[in-house]
Amino acid sequence: MLRAVKPLWVSCRRRTIVRAGLWSVGLYEAETQTTATERNCLARHAHGRKRLVEIGVFNGVTTLLLRQAMHPDGVLWAIDPFPPGRLGFNIDELISRSQVAKSANGTVELIKTTGAAAATWYADRKLPAVDFMFVDGDHSWAGIDADWRGWRPLIGVGGLIALHDSRSWSGREVTLDSARYTAEVIRQDGEFEVIDEVESVTVLRRRNGVGRPCVR
């Protein structure tokens, strides 16, 4: 006897309802695709920075970490489209907002759009040069290419960019386009130098003499 197969959106809706229910009673913990070692790396490099950008918020675990690490006068622009689901909301957005609110350090502005669109938004407002950026958004070649082209000019002299899923390491082989793009495009950019590699994270710094100065 053949059993009726329920549409995928029904399963997604039920998962959303379950996650929302568990989160509302404190039984669902925010998730992250970064490891503890990678998060320690991000916190170390973000420490004391004043103009930070994160592409790919998800549940806000790394967003909270960056907020705690940055300068008390710092601003973190957290970028994620968070499209509403069939229930009219995005549970990941609700969880991330709750996470970020656990710290009062500095200021966090949630920008609900793509990384590339946010770069245009940032440039149009002539905001200060970015001195720390964490990229963990669209890992497709087209996605990370759009993010890199948009944000590259906005990273100031001495500014850092940390890329997740950008390299393979002894614990995991990363076959995503993000790793190939990092190797073939970003690491070949003469205006940036690699200063750290921790598991799947690559950290680069904009060389002195190229780009706008960062806010100090």
Protein backbone atom coordinates (compact mmCIF):
# COMPACT_ATOMS: atom_id res chain seq x y z
CA MET A 1 0.00 0.00 0.00
CA LEU A 2 1.34 3.42 -0.95
CA ARG A 3 1.41 6.05 1.75
CA ALA A 4 0.73 9.67 0.95
CA VAL A 5 3.88 11.79 1.06
CA LYS A 6 3.35 15.11 2.77
CA PRO A 7 4.70 18.21 1.05
CA LEU A 8 8.10 19.43 2.21
CA TRP A 9 6.67 22.74 3.42
CA VAL A 10 4.42 20.88 5.86
CA SER A 11 7.47 19.22 7.43
CA CYS A 12 9.30 22.56 7.54
CA ARG A 13 6.32 24.22 9.18
CA ARG A 14 6.11 21.53 11.84
CA ARG A 15 9.84 21.77 12.56
CA THR A 16 9.47 25.52 12.93
CA ILE A 17 6.55 25.10 15.35
CA VAL A 18 8.50 22.57 17.41
CA ARG A 19 11.63 24.73 17.53
CA ALA A 20 9.60 27.83 18.41
CA GLY A 21 7.81 25.95 21.18
CA LEU A 22 11.00 24.55 22.69
CA TRP A 23 12.74 27.93 22.46
CA SER A 24 9.84 29.73 24.14
CA VAL A 25 10.15 27.53 27.23
CA GLY A 26 13.94 27.60 27.33
CA LEU A 27 14.49 24.06 26.06
CA TYR A 28 16.11 24.97 22.74
CA GLU A 29 19.68 26.27 22.65
CA ALA A 30 20.94 28.55 19.92
CA GLU A 31 22.88 26.63 17.28
CA THR A 32 26.09 27.49 15.43
CA GLN A 33 28.13 25.87 12.68
CA THR A 34 31.38 27.17 14.15
CA THR A 35 33.52 25.18 16.57
CA ALA A 36 34.64 26.40 19.99
CA THR A 37 38.20 26.75 18.66
CA GLU A 38 36.99 28.87 15.73
CA ARG A 39 34.94 31.06 18.06
CA ASN A 40 37.97 31.64 20.26
CA CYS A 41 39.84 32.78 17.16
CA LEU A 42 37.06 35.21 16.22
CA ALA A 43 36.87 36.66 19.73
CA ARG A 44 40.63 37.19 19.82
CA HIS A 45 40.75 39.06 16.52
CA ALA A 46 37.55 41.05 17.15
CA HIS A 47 38.73 42.24 20.57
CA GLY A 48 38.59 46.02 20.86
CA ARG A 49 37.44 46.58 17.27
CA LYS A 50 35.02 49.46 16.64
CA ARG A 51 33.39 48.87 13.25
CA LEU A 52 32.40 45.26 12.72
CA VAL A 53 30.33 43.43 10.12
CA GLU A 54 28.98 39.90 10.21
CA ILE A 55 27.43 38.22 7.18
CA GLY A 56 25.33 35.24 8.19
CA VAL A 57 23.76 35.59 11.64
CA PHE A 58 21.73 32.34 11.90
CA ASN A 59 21.02 31.93 15.65
CA GLY A 60 23.27 34.78 16.76
CA VAL A 61 25.89 32.73 18.59
CA THR A 62 28.84 34.40 16.88
CA THR A 63 26.99 37.72 16.82
CA LEU A 64 26.83 37.68 20.61
CA LEU A 65 30.49 36.66 20.79
CA LEU A 66 31.55 39.56 18.56
CA ARG A 67 29.44 41.98 20.57
CA GLN A 68 31.10 40.88 23.79
CA ALA A 69 34.58 41.14 22.27
CA MET A 70 34.33 44.50 20.50
CA HIS A 71 35.11 47.94 21.92
CA PRO A 72 32.42 49.40 24.24
CA ASP A 73 31.90 52.17 21.69
CA GLY A 74 31.82 49.71 18.80
CA VAL A 75 29.05 49.06 16.29
CA LEU A 76 28.33 45.64 14.82
CA TRP A 77 26.24 45.40 11.66
CA ALA A 78 24.76 41.89 11.64
CA ILE A 79 23.52 40.92 8.18
CA ASP A 80 21.07 38.15 7.33
CA PRO A 81 17.96 38.17 5.10
CA PHE A 82 15.88 36.14 7.60
CA PRO A 83 13.05 35.56 5.11
CA PRO A 84 9.71 34.89 6.83
CA GLY A 85 8.41 31.35 6.55
CA ARG A 86 4.88 30.13 5.94
CA LEU A 87 4.00 30.99 9.52
CA GLY A 88 4.87 34.63 8.88
CA PHE A 89 8.06 34.78 10.92
CA ASN A 90 11.59 33.44 11.00
CA ILE A 91 12.42 31.51 14.17
CA ASP A 92 16.16 31.97 13.60
CA GLU A 93 15.70 35.74 13.69
CA LEU A 94 13.81 35.53 16.99
CA ILE A 95 16.48 33.32 18.51
CA SER A 96 19.31 35.55 17.25
CA ARG A 97 17.70 38.70 18.66
CA SER A 98 17.35 36.98 22.01
CA GLN A 99 21.00 35.90 21.92
CA VAL A 100 22.35 39.32 21.00
CA ALA A 101 20.33 40.94 23.79
CA LYS A 102 22.33 38.97 26.38
CA SER A 103 25.06 41.62 26.14
CA ALA A 104 24.77 45.39 26.38
CA ASN A 105 28.25 46.06 25.05
CA GLY A 106 28.39 48.46 22.13
CA THR A 107 25.63 48.61 19.53
CA VAL A 108 24.29 45.92 17.21
CA GLU A 109 22.25 46.77 14.14
CA LEU A 110 20.47 43.93 12.36
CA ILE A 111 20.36 44.46 8.60
CA LYS A 112 17.82 42.13 7.00
CA THR A 113 19.17 41.72 3.49
CA THR A 114 21.92 39.93 1.58
CA GLY A 115 25.60 40.63 2.13
CA ALA A 116 25.97 42.28 -1.29
CA ALA A 117 22.93 44.53 -0.81
CA ALA A 118 24.17 45.48 2.65
CA ALA A 119 27.51 46.55 1.15
CA THR A 120 25.70 48.97 -1.14
CA TRP A 121 23.63 50.21 1.82
CA TYR A 122 26.82 50.75 3.86
CA ALA A 123 28.70 52.52 1.07
CA ASP A 124 25.77 54.80 0.22
CA ARG A 125 25.72 56.06 3.82
CA LYS A 126 29.46 56.72 3.76
CA LEU A 127 29.93 54.91 7.05
CA PRO A 128 33.44 54.50 8.54
CA ALA A 129 35.78 51.87 7.18
CA VAL A 130 35.24 48.38 8.59
CA ASP A 131 37.98 47.11 10.91
CA PHE A 132 36.67 43.57 11.45
CA MET A 133 34.44 41.40 9.28
CA PHE A 134 33.23 37.83 9.68
CA VAL A 135 31.82 36.12 6.58
CA ASP A 136 29.67 33.02 7.06
CA GLY A 137 26.79 33.58 4.66
CA ASP A 138 26.11 32.26 1.16
CA HIS A 139 28.88 29.72 0.49
CA SER A 140 28.20 29.42 -3.24
CA TRP A 141 30.76 30.89 -5.65
CA ALA A 142 28.31 33.57 -6.80
CA GLY A 143 27.31 34.36 -3.23
CA ILE A 144 30.77 34.83 -1.77
CA ASP A 145 31.95 36.60 -4.93
CA ALA A 146 29.16 39.16 -4.50
CA ASP A 147 30.00 39.59 -0.82
CA TRP A 148 33.73 39.97 -1.50
CA ARG A 149 33.32 42.44 -4.36
CA GLY A 150 30.88 44.52 -2.32
CA TRP A 151 32.75 44.64 0.97
CA ARG A 152 36.40 44.51 -0.13
CA PRO A 153 36.62 48.30 -0.75
CA LEU A 154 34.99 49.00 2.63
CA ILE A 155 37.62 47.24 4.76
CA GLY A 156 40.05 49.81 6.14
CA VAL A 157 43.83 49.75 6.40
CA GLY A 158 44.74 47.17 9.03
CA GLY A 159 41.17 45.88 8.98
CA LEU A 160 40.59 42.15 9.34
CA ILE A 161 38.33 39.75 7.49
CA ALA A 162 37.65 36.28 8.87
CA LEU A 163 36.19 33.68 6.50
CA HIS A 164 34.38 30.58 7.73
CA ASP A 165 34.47 27.31 5.75
CA SER A 166 37.37 28.78 3.81
CA ARG A 167 39.87 25.93 4.08
CA SER A 168 40.21 22.24 4.79
CA TRP A 169 42.01 21.16 7.95
CA SER A 170 42.98 17.93 9.67
CA GLY A 171 39.54 17.53 11.19
CA ARG A 172 37.42 18.12 8.09
CA GLU A 173 37.69 18.49 4.35
CA VAL A 174 35.84 21.58 3.15
CA THR A 175 34.67 21.13 -0.45
CA LEU A 176 32.35 24.15 -0.57
CA ASP A 177 32.79 26.92 -3.13
CA SER A 178 33.74 29.23 -0.25
CA ALA A 179 37.01 27.31 0.23
CA ARG A 180 37.81 27.32 -3.49
CA TYR A 181 36.99 31.03 -3.82
CA THR A 182 39.18 31.86 -0.83
CA ALA A 183 42.12 29.95 -2.33
CA GLU A 184 41.72 31.15 -5.91
CA VAL A 185 40.60 34.75 -5.41
CA ILE A 186 40.87 36.18 -1.91
CA ARG A 187 44.25 34.73 -0.95
CA GLN A 188 45.64 35.94 -4.30
CA ASP A 189 44.65 39.55 -3.58
CA GLY A 190 47.88 41.48 -3.02
CA GLU A 191 46.18 44.05 -0.80
CA PHE A 192 45.49 41.41 1.87
CA GLU A 193 47.76 39.10 3.84
CA VAL A 194 46.88 35.94 5.74
CA ILE A 195 47.64 36.40 9.45
CA ASP A 196 45.91 33.38 10.98
CA GLU A 197 44.37 30.01 10.11
CA VAL A 198 42.29 28.13 12.68
CA GLU A 199 40.44 25.02 11.55
CA SER A 200 38.15 26.19 8.71
CA VAL A 201 38.67 29.91 9.43
CA THR A 202 41.12 32.08 7.49
CA VAL A 203 41.90 35.56 8.84
CA LEU A 204 43.37 38.21 6.52
CA ARG A 205 44.49 41.77 7.15
CA ARG A 206 44.43 44.68 4.74
CA ARG A 207 47.99 45.81 4.20
CA ASN A 208 49.12 49.28 5.23
CA GLY A 209 48.99 51.93 2.53
CA VAL A 210 45.92 50.60 0.72
CA GLY A 211 42.33 51.50 1.56
CA ARG A 212 40.74 53.93 3.98
CA PRO A 213 42.00 54.25 7.57
CA CYS A 214 39.93 52.48 10.23
CA VAL A 215 38.29 54.36 13.09
CA ARG A 216 40.46 54.29 16.24
